[in-house]
Amino acid sequence: MFRRTFWFTAGAAAGVWATAKVNRKLKRLTPESLAAQAADKAIETGHKLKDFALDVREGMVRREAELGGALGLEAPVDPELPVRRHFAVEAAEPAPGSHSYRTLPYNPNNRNEDH
């Protein structure tokens, strides 16, 4: 008799536990809950990306200062004046009379044109 009572109680407890666990899982899988979880993840990812961008910017400023010191470059006298960026390669202007990539000559064999 004691055995039957024990197993009946154990089975009932397992059933209650399983039912509660399934109900909890079903609540987590509702559309509203999934939308809230996705929004939380998106906000968390946004914060991580912002922190990463700030770290990168800080590293860039630090490295630029190191390179400026090593190369003997000085900061502008007036901090309100814009800093002119120096590029390693200047963009070349197309020669007069030459066709740039924007104005290609007419090609009668071009099948992509509307006829």
Protein backbone atom coordinates (compact mmCIF):
# COMPACT_ATOMS: atom_id res chain seq x y z
CA MET A 1 0.00 0.00 0.00
CA PHE A 2 2.82 2.39 0.88
CA ARG A 3 4.52 1.66 -2.44
CA ARG A 4 1.45 2.55 -4.44
CA THR A 5 0.98 5.80 -2.53
CA PHE A 6 4.65 6.68 -3.05
CA TRP A 7 4.54 6.05 -6.83
CA PHE A 8 1.19 7.78 -7.19
CA THR A 9 2.57 10.86 -5.39
CA ALA A 10 5.80 10.74 -7.40
CA GLY A 11 3.82 10.50 -10.65
CA ALA A 12 1.51 13.33 -9.68
CA ALA A 13 4.47 15.53 -8.72
CA ALA A 14 6.23 14.73 -12.01
CA GLY A 15 3.04 15.56 -13.91
CA VAL A 16 2.63 18.89 -12.13
CA TRP A 17 6.31 19.71 -12.73
CA ALA A 18 6.11 18.77 -16.43
CA THR A 19 2.88 20.71 -16.92
CA ALA A 20 4.35 23.81 -15.29
CA LYS A 21 7.50 23.51 -17.41
CA VAL A 22 5.51 23.10 -20.64
CA ASN A 23 3.26 26.06 -19.78
CA ARG A 24 6.32 28.21 -19.05
CA LYS A 25 7.87 27.22 -22.39
CA LEU A 26 4.61 27.94 -24.24
CA LYS A 27 4.45 31.41 -22.70
CA ARG A 28 8.00 32.08 -23.88
CA LEU A 29 7.03 31.07 -27.42
CA THR A 30 4.08 33.42 -27.82
CA PRO A 31 4.48 36.07 -30.54
CA GLU A 32 4.51 38.90 -27.98
CA SER A 33 7.21 37.22 -25.93
CA LEU A 34 9.31 36.43 -29.00
CA ALA A 35 8.98 40.05 -30.17
CA ALA A 36 10.07 41.31 -26.75
CA GLN A 37 13.05 38.92 -26.72
CA ALA A 38 14.07 40.05 -30.22
CA ALA A 39 13.79 43.70 -29.21
CA ASP A 40 15.92 43.09 -26.12
CA LYS A 41 18.57 41.32 -28.22
CA ALA A 42 18.54 44.14 -30.78
CA ILE A 43 19.01 46.77 -28.07
CA GLU A 44 21.80 44.74 -26.49
CA THR A 45 23.51 44.33 -29.88
CA GLY A 46 23.15 48.07 -30.52
CA HIS A 47 24.85 48.86 -27.23
CA LYS A 48 27.67 46.45 -28.04
CA LEU A 49 28.15 48.00 -31.49
CA LYS A 50 28.15 51.50 -30.01
CA ASP A 51 30.78 50.48 -27.44
CA PHE A 52 32.86 48.88 -30.20
CA ALA A 53 32.63 52.02 -32.36
CA LEU A 54 33.66 54.21 -29.43
CA ASP A 55 36.63 51.93 -28.71
CA VAL A 56 37.67 52.04 -32.36
CA ARG A 57 37.38 55.83 -32.46
CA GLU A 58 39.42 56.15 -29.26
CA GLY A 59 42.11 53.87 -30.72
CA MET A 60 42.14 55.85 -33.96
CA VAL A 61 42.62 59.14 -32.12
CA ARG A 62 45.37 57.64 -29.98
CA ARG A 63 47.17 56.13 -32.99
CA GLU A 64 46.78 59.33 -35.02
CA ALA A 65 48.39 61.27 -32.16
CA GLU A 66 51.24 58.74 -32.02
CA LEU A 67 51.79 58.97 -35.78
CA GLY A 68 51.54 62.76 -35.71
CA GLY A 69 54.20 62.89 -33.00
CA ALA A 70 56.44 60.44 -34.84
CA LEU A 71 56.12 62.33 -38.14
CA GLY A 72 56.45 65.77 -36.57
CA LEU A 73 53.02 66.95 -37.63
CA GLU A 74 51.51 69.70 -35.55
CA ALA A 75 47.90 70.41 -34.70
CA PRO A 76 46.31 73.53 -36.27
CA VAL A 77 46.80 76.76 -34.32
CA ASP A 78 43.11 77.59 -34.16
CA PRO A 79 41.04 74.58 -33.04
CA GLU A 80 37.96 75.98 -34.81
CA LEU A 81 39.69 75.82 -38.20
CA PRO A 82 38.96 72.63 -40.12
CA VAL A 83 41.81 70.20 -40.48
CA ARG A 84 42.73 69.60 -44.12
CA ARG A 85 43.17 65.92 -44.80
CA HIS A 86 46.17 64.94 -46.89
CA PHE A 87 45.59 61.96 -49.12
CA ALA A 88 48.39 59.70 -50.28
CA VAL A 89 47.01 59.69 -53.84
CA GLU A 90 45.19 62.69 -55.25
CA ALA A 91 42.27 62.01 -57.57
CA ALA A 92 43.30 62.83 -61.13
CA GLU A 93 40.99 64.87 -63.33
CA PRO A 94 40.19 63.27 -66.69
CA ALA A 95 42.07 64.79 -69.61
CA PRO A 96 40.08 67.15 -71.85
CA GLY A 97 38.42 65.27 -74.67
CA SER A 98 38.76 61.89 -72.98
CA HIS A 99 35.73 59.98 -71.89
CA SER A 100 35.30 59.51 -68.19
CA TYR A 101 33.49 56.53 -66.73
CA ARG A 102 30.32 58.60 -66.55
CA THR A 103 30.10 59.56 -70.22
CA LEU A 104 30.88 56.48 -72.26
CA PRO A 105 30.81 56.70 -76.05
CA TYR A 106 27.78 55.35 -77.86
CA ASN A 107 28.12 51.66 -78.72
CA PRO A 108 25.62 50.36 -81.31
CA ASN A 109 26.18 46.78 -80.11
CA ASN A 110 25.08 47.50 -76.57
CA ARG A 111 22.05 45.28 -76.02
CA ASN A 112 21.22 46.79 -72.64
CA GLU A 113 19.86 50.00 -74.12
CA ASP A 114 16.16 50.57 -74.65
CA HIS A 115 15.40 50.46 -78.40
